[in-house]
Amino acid sequence: MEYSTTILLSTYNGEKYLAQQLDSILAQTDQDWSLLIRDDGSSDKTKEIIDQYVSLHPAQIKQLASDKNLGVVNSFGTLLQESDSDYFFFCDQDDVWLPNKIELTKAKMKEEEMNHPESPIAIFTDLRVVDEELQTICNSFWEYSKIDPIILSTFDELCVHPAATGCTMMINKKGKECSLPFNDDVRMHDAWIILSILKNDGHINFIKDQTMLYRQHVGNVVGAINENDSYFLNRIKEIKNVIKKNQQQWKMIKRLGFSSLPKYLYLKVTYRHKYNTKHK
């Protein structure tokens, strides 16, 4: 059977939560999907878990052969390069998808494609922030991290303030084509893909619903940051990390054609004001 949708999952030492994530994908209301997994050099029992699920569900779950650690960006880039489908989801190993995640997102994608045929398109959603035991920390990741996708909608704005979380994203085939290949300046695959789609006259849209549980634990590669508590104090405490992230972001967006440092700094400052004014 051919599936119209491929879910891309990169794993690395994910034995603790992986089975729960895979079970949540298998429980989706929309079953028109295949899952392609690439392990990025795990040393725990992750590969054994993958092998078990591939054996139990050979029609829907496949494993991409891998023999070395590429890092999260290039691992997802390889998955995207090696997959062929009409639509693509990106999946993390430690979250839990709510049952209608694929159904809701695909419906929004179809609506967007009706409005913009033959265009690169990305759809993303909100998330519910939870702890290791899936107890709710905040019902809305956007609220928790002070993200407003209505304010953050243009190429320039999204160069400075990413709005889409990769593990909620769905892109169409045109979105894949304009995003590849990844290069050494790609900081995170999700931001690169969104910006590449906009750079190529594509469109992005979002769903306000929370479609998954975004698990926070000590092993998160990228976690949720509570922007409501001591924002500026936290930035001072993490100044080295903040500088490093901004340097990496600057290299990536320069590759895509954003070259004005004054504009970058201006948009950094003004977004916080816009958000606080709108949400006070």
C-alpha atoms as a PDB file:
ATOM      1  CA  MET A   1       0.000   0.000   0.000  1.00  0.00           C
ATOM      2  CA  GLU A   2       1.194   3.506  -0.827  1.00  0.00           C
ATOM      3  CA  TYR A   3       0.713   6.164   1.828  1.00  0.00           C
ATOM      4  CA  SER A   4       0.337   9.869   1.012  1.00  0.00           C
ATOM      5  CA  THR A   5       1.972  11.025   4.248  1.00  0.00           C
ATOM      6  CA  THR A   6       5.394  10.189   5.674  1.00  0.00           C
ATOM      7  CA  ILE A   7       6.334  10.834   9.296  1.00  0.00           C
ATOM      8  CA  LEU A   8      10.074  11.411   9.772  1.00  0.00           C
ATOM      9  CA  LEU A   9      11.554  10.395  13.129  1.00  0.00           C
ATOM     10  CA  SER A  10      15.188  10.775  14.150  1.00  0.00           C
ATOM     11  CA  THR A  11      16.173   8.930  17.329  1.00  0.00           C
ATOM     12  CA  TYR A  12      19.163   9.084  19.653  1.00  0.00           C
ATOM     13  CA  ASN A  13      19.320   7.253  22.992  1.00  0.00           C
ATOM     14  CA  GLY A  14      15.544   7.516  23.286  1.00  0.00           C
ATOM     15  CA  GLU A  15      14.682   4.200  24.934  1.00  0.00           C
ATOM     16  CA  LYS A  16      12.879   5.817  27.883  1.00  0.00           C
ATOM     17  CA  TYR A  17      10.019   7.429  25.947  1.00  0.00           C
ATOM     18  CA  LEU A  18      10.187   6.067  22.392  1.00  0.00           C
ATOM     19  CA  ALA A  19       7.581   3.298  22.717  1.00  0.00           C
ATOM     20  CA  GLN A  20       5.039   5.745  24.119  1.00  0.00           C
ATOM     21  CA  GLN A  21       5.575   8.066  21.158  1.00  0.00           C
ATOM     22  CA  LEU A  22       5.281   5.239  18.639  1.00  0.00           C
ATOM     23  CA  ASP A  23       2.077   4.014  20.283  1.00  0.00           C
ATOM     24  CA  SER A  24       0.582   7.506  20.014  1.00  0.00           C
ATOM     25  CA  ILE A  25       1.337   7.559  16.274  1.00  0.00           C
ATOM     26  CA  LEU A  26      -0.234   4.138  15.807  1.00  0.00           C
ATOM     27  CA  ALA A  27      -3.362   5.442  17.582  1.00  0.00           C
ATOM     28  CA  GLN A  28      -3.957   8.307  15.124  1.00  0.00           C
ATOM     29  CA  THR A  29      -7.472   8.768  13.747  1.00  0.00           C
ATOM     30  CA  ASP A  30      -5.962   9.224  10.268  1.00  0.00           C
ATOM     31  CA  GLN A  31      -4.091   6.038   9.344  1.00  0.00           C
ATOM     32  CA  ASP A  32      -2.913   7.153   5.897  1.00  0.00           C
ATOM     33  CA  TRP A  33       0.735   7.416   6.896  1.00  0.00           C
ATOM     34  CA  SER A  34       4.055   5.631   6.875  1.00  0.00           C
ATOM     35  CA  LEU A  35       6.778   6.200   9.461  1.00  0.00           C
ATOM     36  CA  LEU A  36      10.438   6.404   8.453  1.00  0.00           C
ATOM     37  CA  ILE A  37      12.917   6.196  11.342  1.00  0.00           C
ATOM     38  CA  ARG A  38      16.631   6.928  11.312  1.00  0.00           C
ATOM     39  CA  ASP A  39      18.659   6.191  14.433  1.00  0.00           C
ATOM     40  CA  ASP A  40      21.562   8.594  14.905  1.00  0.00           C
ATOM     41  CA  GLY A  41      23.980   6.219  16.645  1.00  0.00           C
ATOM     42  CA  SER A  42      22.203   5.258  19.860  1.00  0.00           C
ATOM     43  CA  SER A  43      24.106   3.280  22.494  1.00  0.00           C
ATOM     44  CA  ASP A  44      21.054   2.269  24.550  1.00  0.00           C
ATOM     45  CA  LYS A  45      18.139  -0.001  23.572  1.00  0.00           C
ATOM     46  CA  THR A  46      16.593   2.435  21.106  1.00  0.00           C
ATOM     47  CA  LYS A  47      17.421   0.316  18.050  1.00  0.00           C
ATOM     48  CA  GLU A  48      15.936  -2.778  19.706  1.00  0.00           C
ATOM     49  CA  ILE A  49      12.674  -0.901  20.251  1.00  0.00           C
ATOM     50  CA  ILE A  50      12.679   0.298  16.635  1.00  0.00           C
ATOM     51  CA  ASP A  51      13.327  -3.230  15.365  1.00  0.00           C
ATOM     52  CA  GLN A  52      10.413  -4.521  17.439  1.00  0.00           C
ATOM     53  CA  TYR A  53       7.962  -1.963  16.034  1.00  0.00           C
ATOM     54  CA  VAL A  54       9.207  -2.482  12.460  1.00  0.00           C
ATOM     55  CA  SER A  55       8.627  -6.213  12.915  1.00  0.00           C
ATOM     56  CA  LEU A  56       5.119  -5.696  14.296  1.00  0.00           C
ATOM     57  CA  HIS A  57       4.065  -3.068  11.735  1.00  0.00           C
ATOM     58  CA  PRO A  58       6.114  -3.707   8.574  1.00  0.00           C
ATOM     59  CA  ALA A  59       3.602  -2.050   6.239  1.00  0.00           C
ATOM     60  CA  GLN A  60       3.722   1.326   7.984  1.00  0.00           C
ATOM     61  CA  ILE A  61       7.009   1.534   9.889  1.00  0.00           C
ATOM     62  CA  LYS A  62      10.357   1.457   8.068  1.00  0.00           C
ATOM     63  CA  GLN A  63      13.903   2.042   9.222  1.00  0.00           C
ATOM     64  CA  LEU A  64      16.546   3.922   7.264  1.00  0.00           C
ATOM     65  CA  ALA A  65      19.935   2.254   7.453  1.00  0.00           C
ATOM     66  CA  SER A  66      22.424   4.355   9.402  1.00  0.00           C
ATOM     67  CA  ASP A  67      25.935   3.784  10.684  1.00  0.00           C
ATOM     68  CA  LYS A  68      27.056   7.106  12.145  1.00  0.00           C
ATOM     69  CA  ASN A  69      26.025  10.108  14.200  1.00  0.00           C
ATOM     70  CA  LEU A  70      25.075  13.066  11.997  1.00  0.00           C
ATOM     71  CA  GLY A  71      23.441  15.311  14.610  1.00  0.00           C
ATOM     72  CA  VAL A  72      19.773  16.198  14.717  1.00  0.00           C
ATOM     73  CA  VAL A  73      19.777  18.644  11.770  1.00  0.00           C
ATOM     74  CA  ASN A  74      21.528  16.372   9.285  1.00  0.00           C
ATOM     75  CA  SER A  75      19.679  13.305  10.506  1.00  0.00           C
ATOM     76  CA  PHE A  76      16.352  14.956   9.674  1.00  0.00           C
ATOM     77  CA  GLY A  77      17.844  16.259   6.434  1.00  0.00           C
ATOM     78  CA  THR A  78      18.779  12.716   5.442  1.00  0.00           C
ATOM     79  CA  LEU A  79      15.301  11.450   6.304  1.00  0.00           C
ATOM     80  CA  LEU A  80      13.685  14.153   4.213  1.00  0.00           C
ATOM     81  CA  GLN A  81      16.067  13.543   1.320  1.00  0.00           C
ATOM     82  CA  GLU A  82      15.451   9.793   1.333  1.00  0.00           C
ATOM     83  CA  SER A  83      11.640   9.874   1.593  1.00  0.00           C
ATOM     84  CA  ASP A  84       9.062  10.261  -1.140  1.00  0.00           C
ATOM     85  CA  SER A  85       5.519  11.312  -0.322  1.00  0.00           C
ATOM     86  CA  ASP A  86       2.921  14.021  -0.841  1.00  0.00           C
ATOM     87  CA  TYR A  87       3.229  15.278   2.748  1.00  0.00           C
ATOM     88  CA  PHE A  88       5.791  15.099   5.541  1.00  0.00           C
ATOM     89  CA  PHE A  89       5.572  15.372   9.328  1.00  0.00           C
ATOM     90  CA  PHE A  90       8.581  15.790  11.637  1.00  0.00           C
ATOM     91  CA  CYS A  91       8.542  13.798  14.847  1.00  0.00           C
ATOM     92  CA  ASP A  92      10.619  13.812  18.053  1.00  0.00           C
ATOM     93  CA  GLN A  93      11.249  10.651  20.040  1.00  0.00           C
ATOM     94  CA  ASP A  94      10.070  11.780  23.453  1.00  0.00           C
ATOM     95  CA  ASP A  95       6.676  13.444  22.912  1.00  0.00           C
ATOM     96  CA  VAL A  96       3.135  12.090  22.646  1.00  0.00           C
ATOM     97  CA  TRP A  97       0.860  12.887  19.706  1.00  0.00           C
ATOM     98  CA  LEU A  98      -2.786  13.484  20.461  1.00  0.00           C
ATOM     99  CA  PRO A  99      -5.066  11.190  18.406  1.00  0.00           C
ATOM    100  CA  ASN A 100      -6.258  13.787  15.870  1.00  0.00           C
ATOM    101  CA  LYS A 101      -2.895  15.445  15.171  1.00  0.00           C
ATOM    102  CA  ILE A 102      -2.516  14.113  11.632  1.00  0.00           C
ATOM    103  CA  GLU A 103      -6.202  14.517  10.800  1.00  0.00           C
ATOM    104  CA  LEU A 104      -6.372  18.163  11.910  1.00  0.00           C
ATOM    105  CA  THR A 105      -3.103  19.185  10.304  1.00  0.00           C
ATOM    106  CA  LYS A 106      -3.806  17.450   7.020  1.00  0.00           C
ATOM    107  CA  ALA A 107      -7.235  19.125   6.792  1.00  0.00           C
ATOM    108  CA  LYS A 108      -5.567  22.530   7.242  1.00  0.00           C
ATOM    109  CA  MET A 109      -2.975  21.643   4.609  1.00  0.00           C
ATOM    110  CA  LYS A 110      -5.685  20.684   2.101  1.00  0.00           C
ATOM    111  CA  GLU A 111      -7.441  23.998   2.758  1.00  0.00           C
ATOM    112  CA  GLU A 112      -4.213  25.921   2.231  1.00  0.00           C
ATOM    113  CA  GLU A 113      -3.464  24.012  -0.977  1.00  0.00           C
ATOM    114  CA  MET A 114      -6.891  24.939  -2.326  1.00  0.00           C
ATOM    115  CA  ASN A 115      -6.014  28.594  -1.789  1.00  0.00           C
ATOM    116  CA  HIS A 116      -2.422  28.285  -3.046  1.00  0.00           C
ATOM    117  CA  PRO A 117      -2.147  25.432  -5.563  1.00  0.00           C
ATOM    118  CA  GLU A 118       1.370  24.402  -6.636  1.00  0.00           C
ATOM    119  CA  SER A 119       2.951  26.391  -3.776  1.00  0.00           C
ATOM    120  CA  PRO A 120       5.357  25.239  -1.046  1.00  0.00           C
ATOM    121  CA  ILE A 121       3.318  25.097   2.191  1.00  0.00           C
ATOM    122  CA  ALA A 122       3.969  24.434   5.873  1.00  0.00           C
ATOM    123  CA  ILE A 123       1.390  23.996   8.631  1.00  0.00           C
ATOM    124  CA  PHE A 124       2.226  24.055  12.339  1.00  0.00           C
ATOM    125  CA  THR A 125       0.282  23.933  15.599  1.00  0.00           C
ATOM    126  CA  ASP A 126       0.408  24.805  19.263  1.00  0.00           C
ATOM    127  CA  LEU A 127       1.540  22.237  21.859  1.00  0.00           C
ATOM    128  CA  ARG A 128       0.738  21.383  25.458  1.00  0.00           C
ATOM    129  CA  VAL A 129       3.841  21.597  27.667  1.00  0.00           C
ATOM    130  CA  VAL A 130       4.105  18.623  30.054  1.00  0.00           C
ATOM    131  CA  ASP A 131       6.628  17.163  32.480  1.00  0.00           C
ATOM    132  CA  GLU A 132       8.289  13.745  32.335  1.00  0.00           C
ATOM    133  CA  GLU A 133       5.115  12.072  33.624  1.00  0.00           C
ATOM    134  CA  LEU A 134       2.923  13.957  31.102  1.00  0.00           C
ATOM    135  CA  GLN A 135       1.464  16.217  33.766  1.00  0.00           C
ATOM    136  CA  THR A 136       0.538  19.605  32.320  1.00  0.00           C
ATOM    137  CA  ILE A 137       2.949  22.476  32.941  1.00  0.00           C
ATOM    138  CA  CYS A 138       1.124  24.857  30.584  1.00  0.00           C
ATOM    139  CA  ASN A 139      -1.797  24.199  28.250  1.00  0.00           C
ATOM    140  CA  SER A 140      -0.227  26.357  25.523  1.00  0.00           C
ATOM    141  CA  PHE A 141       3.408  26.341  24.429  1.00  0.00           C
ATOM    142  CA  TRP A 142       2.761  29.609  22.597  1.00  0.00           C
ATOM    143  CA  GLU A 143       1.599  31.236  25.819  1.00  0.00           C
ATOM    144  CA  TYR A 144       4.465  29.665  27.782  1.00  0.00           C
ATOM    145  CA  SER A 145       7.115  30.905  25.349  1.00  0.00           C
ATOM    146  CA  LYS A 146       5.366  34.138  24.307  1.00  0.00           C
ATOM    147  CA  ILE A 147       4.929  33.186  20.670  1.00  0.00           C
ATOM    148  CA  ASP A 148       2.231  34.855  18.594  1.00  0.00           C
ATOM    149  CA  PRO A 149       2.118  33.392  15.058  1.00  0.00           C
ATOM    150  CA  ILE A 150      -0.166  36.202  13.910  1.00  0.00           C
ATOM    151  CA  ILE A 151       2.526  38.775  14.676  1.00  0.00           C
ATOM    152  CA  LEU A 152       5.277  36.446  13.435  1.00  0.00           C
ATOM    153  CA  SER A 153       4.197  35.830   9.856  1.00  0.00           C
ATOM    154  CA  THR A 154       6.682  37.409   7.423  1.00  0.00           C
ATOM    155  CA  PHE A 155      10.071  36.163   6.259  1.00  0.00           C
ATOM    156  CA  ASP A 156      11.916  38.960   8.072  1.00  0.00           C
ATOM    157  CA  GLU A 157      10.059  38.437  11.353  1.00  0.00           C
ATOM    158  CA  LEU A 158      10.585  34.685  11.292  1.00  0.00           C
ATOM    159  CA  CYS A 159      14.285  35.139  10.564  1.00  0.00           C
ATOM    160  CA  VAL A 160      14.535  36.773  13.978  1.00  0.00           C
ATOM    161  CA  HIS A 161      11.827  34.986  16.006  1.00  0.00           C
ATOM    162  CA  PRO A 162      11.002  31.389  14.995  1.00  0.00           C
ATOM    163  CA  ALA A 163       7.328  30.564  15.547  1.00  0.00           C
ATOM    164  CA  ALA A 164       6.927  27.000  14.297  1.00  0.00           C
ATOM    165  CA  THR A 165       8.005  24.055  16.431  1.00  0.00           C
ATOM    166  CA  GLY A 166       9.370  21.308  14.200  1.00  0.00           C
ATOM    167  CA  CYS A 167       7.602  18.439  15.936  1.00  0.00           C
ATOM    168  CA  THR A 168       4.234  20.004  15.016  1.00  0.00           C
ATOM    169  CA  MET A 169       5.111  20.787  11.396  1.00  0.00           C
ATOM    170  CA  MET A 170       3.680  19.333   8.206  1.00  0.00           C
ATOM    171  CA  ILE A 171       5.004  20.323   4.778  1.00  0.00           C
ATOM    172  CA  ASN A 172       3.958  19.369   1.264  1.00  0.00           C
ATOM    173  CA  LYS A 173       6.210  18.019  -1.495  1.00  0.00           C
ATOM    174  CA  LYS A 174       6.897  21.504  -2.852  1.00  0.00           C
ATOM    175  CA  GLY A 175       8.002  22.489   0.646  1.00  0.00           C
ATOM    176  CA  LYS A 176      10.460  19.603   0.676  1.00  0.00           C
ATOM    177  CA  GLU A 177      11.855  20.463  -2.745  1.00  0.00           C
ATOM    178  CA  CYS A 178      12.636  24.084  -1.894  1.00  0.00           C
ATOM    179  CA  SER A 179      14.183  23.207   1.496  1.00  0.00           C
ATOM    180  CA  LEU A 180      16.821  20.758   0.287  1.00  0.00           C
ATOM    181  CA  PRO A 181      19.695  20.391   0.443  1.00  0.00           C
ATOM    182  CA  PHE A 182      20.575  21.456   3.972  1.00  0.00           C
ATOM    183  CA  ASN A 183      23.950  23.162   4.370  1.00  0.00           C
ATOM    184  CA  ASP A 184      26.432  23.752   7.177  1.00  0.00           C
ATOM    185  CA  ASP A 185      24.730  27.012   8.197  1.00  0.00           C
ATOM    186  CA  VAL A 186      21.393  25.370   9.072  1.00  0.00           C
ATOM    187  CA  ARG A 187      20.899  25.938  12.784  1.00  0.00           C
ATOM    188  CA  MET A 188      17.706  23.879  13.136  1.00  0.00           C
ATOM    189  CA  HIS A 189      15.839  22.049  10.394  1.00  0.00           C
ATOM    190  CA  ASP A 190      12.405  23.465  11.293  1.00  0.00           C
ATOM    191  CA  ALA A 191      13.460  27.132  11.062  1.00  0.00           C
ATOM    192  CA  TRP A 192      15.364  26.488   7.821  1.00  0.00           C
ATOM    193  CA  ILE A 193      12.368  24.791   6.199  1.00  0.00           C
ATOM    194  CA  ILE A 194       9.885  27.517   7.183  1.00  0.00           C
ATOM    195  CA  LEU A 195      12.197  30.264   5.918  1.00  0.00           C
ATOM    196  CA  SER A 196      12.995  28.384   2.711  1.00  0.00           C
ATOM    197  CA  ILE A 197       9.287  28.019   1.977  1.00  0.00           C
ATOM    198  CA  LEU A 198       8.668  31.741   2.472  1.00  0.00           C
ATOM    199  CA  LYS A 199      11.789  32.616   0.463  1.00  0.00           C
ATOM    200  CA  ASN A 200      10.364  30.606  -2.443  1.00  0.00           C
ATOM    201  CA  ASP A 201       6.993  32.393  -2.491  1.00  0.00           C
ATOM    202  CA  GLY A 202       5.382  29.707  -0.371  1.00  0.00           C
ATOM    203  CA  HIS A 203       2.855  29.973   2.425  1.00  0.00           C
ATOM    204  CA  ILE A 204       2.666  29.032   6.084  1.00  0.00           C
ATOM    205  CA  ASN A 205      -0.386  28.701   8.292  1.00  0.00           C
ATOM    206  CA  PHE A 206      -1.138  27.413  11.743  1.00  0.00           C
ATOM    207  CA  ILE A 207      -3.707  25.665  13.922  1.00  0.00           C
ATOM    208  CA  LYS A 208      -4.420  27.116  17.347  1.00  0.00           C
ATOM    209  CA  ASP A 209      -5.181  23.699  18.800  1.00  0.00           C
ATOM    210  CA  GLN A 210      -2.596  21.808  20.845  1.00  0.00           C
ATOM    211  CA  THR A 211      -1.994  18.606  18.866  1.00  0.00           C
ATOM    212  CA  MET A 212       0.634  16.971  21.064  1.00  0.00           C
ATOM    213  CA  LEU A 213       2.193  16.726  24.503  1.00  0.00           C
ATOM    214  CA  TYR A 214       5.610  18.397  24.486  1.00  0.00           C
ATOM    215  CA  ARG A 215       7.556  16.533  27.136  1.00  0.00           C
ATOM    216  CA  GLN A 216      10.140  18.459  29.151  1.00  0.00           C
ATOM    217  CA  HIS A 217      13.000  16.496  30.705  1.00  0.00           C
ATOM    218  CA  VAL A 218      16.740  16.769  31.306  1.00  0.00           C
ATOM    219  CA  GLY A 219      17.587  15.260  27.913  1.00  0.00           C
ATOM    220  CA  ASN A 220      15.719  17.722  25.678  1.00  0.00           C
ATOM    221  CA  VAL A 221      17.777  18.892  22.686  1.00  0.00           C
ATOM    222  CA  VAL A 222      15.542  21.968  22.445  1.00  0.00           C
ATOM    223  CA  GLY A 223      13.024  22.515  25.209  1.00  0.00           C
ATOM    224  CA  ALA A 224      10.288  24.955  26.125  1.00  0.00           C
ATOM    225  CA  ILE A 225      11.489  28.178  27.737  1.00  0.00           C
ATOM    226  CA  ASN A 226       9.166  29.953  30.141  1.00  0.00           C
ATOM    227  CA  GLU A 227       9.280  33.519  28.849  1.00  0.00           C
ATOM    228  CA  ASN A 228       6.856  34.756  31.498  1.00  0.00           C
ATOM    229  CA  ASP A 229       9.297  34.519  34.407  1.00  0.00           C
ATOM    230  CA  SER A 230      12.187  36.987  34.669  1.00  0.00           C
ATOM    231  CA  TYR A 231      12.773  37.255  30.929  1.00  0.00           C
ATOM    232  CA  PHE A 232      15.647  39.736  30.970  1.00  0.00           C
ATOM    233  CA  LEU A 233      17.270  38.195  34.074  1.00  0.00           C
ATOM    234  CA  ASN A 234      17.247  34.799  32.369  1.00  0.00           C
ATOM    235  CA  ARG A 235      18.841  36.316  29.266  1.00  0.00           C
ATOM    236  CA  ILE A 236      21.649  37.846  31.369  1.00  0.00           C
ATOM    237  CA  LYS A 237      22.282  34.517  33.138  1.00  0.00           C
ATOM    238  CA  GLU A 238      22.452  32.726  29.787  1.00  0.00           C
ATOM    239  CA  ILE A 239      24.346  35.473  27.974  1.00  0.00           C
ATOM    240  CA  LYS A 240      26.991  33.179  26.418  1.00  0.00           C
ATOM    241  CA  ASN A 241      24.345  30.798  25.138  1.00  0.00           C
ATOM    242  CA  VAL A 242      22.210  33.687  23.854  1.00  0.00           C
ATOM    243  CA  ILE A 243      25.168  35.138  21.923  1.00  0.00           C
ATOM    244  CA  LYS A 244      26.034  31.734  20.442  1.00  0.00           C
ATOM    245  CA  LYS A 245      22.443  31.076  19.314  1.00  0.00           C
ATOM    246  CA  ASN A 246      22.171  34.505  17.720  1.00  0.00           C
ATOM    247  CA  GLN A 247      25.467  34.013  15.889  1.00  0.00           C
ATOM    248  CA  GLN A 248      24.236  30.684  14.525  1.00  0.00           C
ATOM    249  CA  GLN A 249      20.892  32.204  13.571  1.00  0.00           C
ATOM    250  CA  TRP A 250      22.625  35.097  11.818  1.00  0.00           C
ATOM    251  CA  LYS A 251      24.754  32.739   9.711  1.00  0.00           C
ATOM    252  CA  MET A 252      21.671  30.783   8.659  1.00  0.00           C
ATOM    253  CA  ILE A 253      19.504  33.748   7.701  1.00  0.00           C
ATOM    254  CA  LYS A 254      22.380  35.427   5.843  1.00  0.00           C
ATOM    255  CA  ARG A 255      22.528  32.300   3.694  1.00  0.00           C
ATOM    256  CA  LEU A 256      18.861  32.908   2.887  1.00  0.00           C
ATOM    257  CA  GLY A 257      19.360  36.571   2.009  1.00  0.00           C
ATOM    258  CA  PHE A 258      18.674  38.450   5.259  1.00  0.00           C
ATOM    259  CA  SER A 259      21.681  40.765   5.552  1.00  0.00           C
ATOM    260  CA  SER A 260      20.681  43.792   7.632  1.00  0.00           C
ATOM    261  CA  LEU A 261      22.072  43.665  11.157  1.00  0.00           C
ATOM    262  CA  PRO A 262      20.224  46.876  12.212  1.00  0.00           C
ATOM    263  CA  LYS A 263      16.945  45.331  11.044  1.00  0.00           C
ATOM    264  CA  TYR A 264      17.759  42.133  12.943  1.00  0.00           C
ATOM    265  CA  LEU A 265      18.354  44.054  16.168  1.00  0.00           C
ATOM    266  CA  TYR A 266      15.273  46.234  15.596  1.00  0.00           C
ATOM    267  CA  LEU A 267      12.991  43.234  15.092  1.00  0.00           C
ATOM    268  CA  LYS A 268      14.472  41.556  18.166  1.00  0.00           C
ATOM    269  CA  VAL A 269      13.513  44.529  20.320  1.00  0.00           C
ATOM    270  CA  THR A 270      10.164  45.423  18.773  1.00  0.00           C
ATOM    271  CA  TYR A 271       8.611  41.949  18.853  1.00  0.00           C
ATOM    272  CA  ARG A 272       8.694  41.860  22.639  1.00  0.00           C
ATOM    273  CA  HIS A 273       6.894  45.224  22.727  1.00  0.00           C
ATOM    274  CA  LYS A 274       4.311  44.132  20.146  1.00  0.00           C
ATOM    275  CA  TYR A 275       3.618  40.915  22.020  1.00  0.00           C
ATOM    276  CA  ASN A 276       3.258  42.578  25.418  1.00  0.00           C
ATOM    277  CA  THR A 277       1.015  45.306  24.001  1.00  0.00           C
ATOM    278  CA  LYS A 278      -1.297  42.774  22.343  1.00  0.00           C
ATOM    279  CA  HIS A 279      -1.451  40.365  25.280  1.00  0.00           C
ATOM    280  CA  LYS A 280      -1.510  42.660  28.264  1.00  0.00           C
END
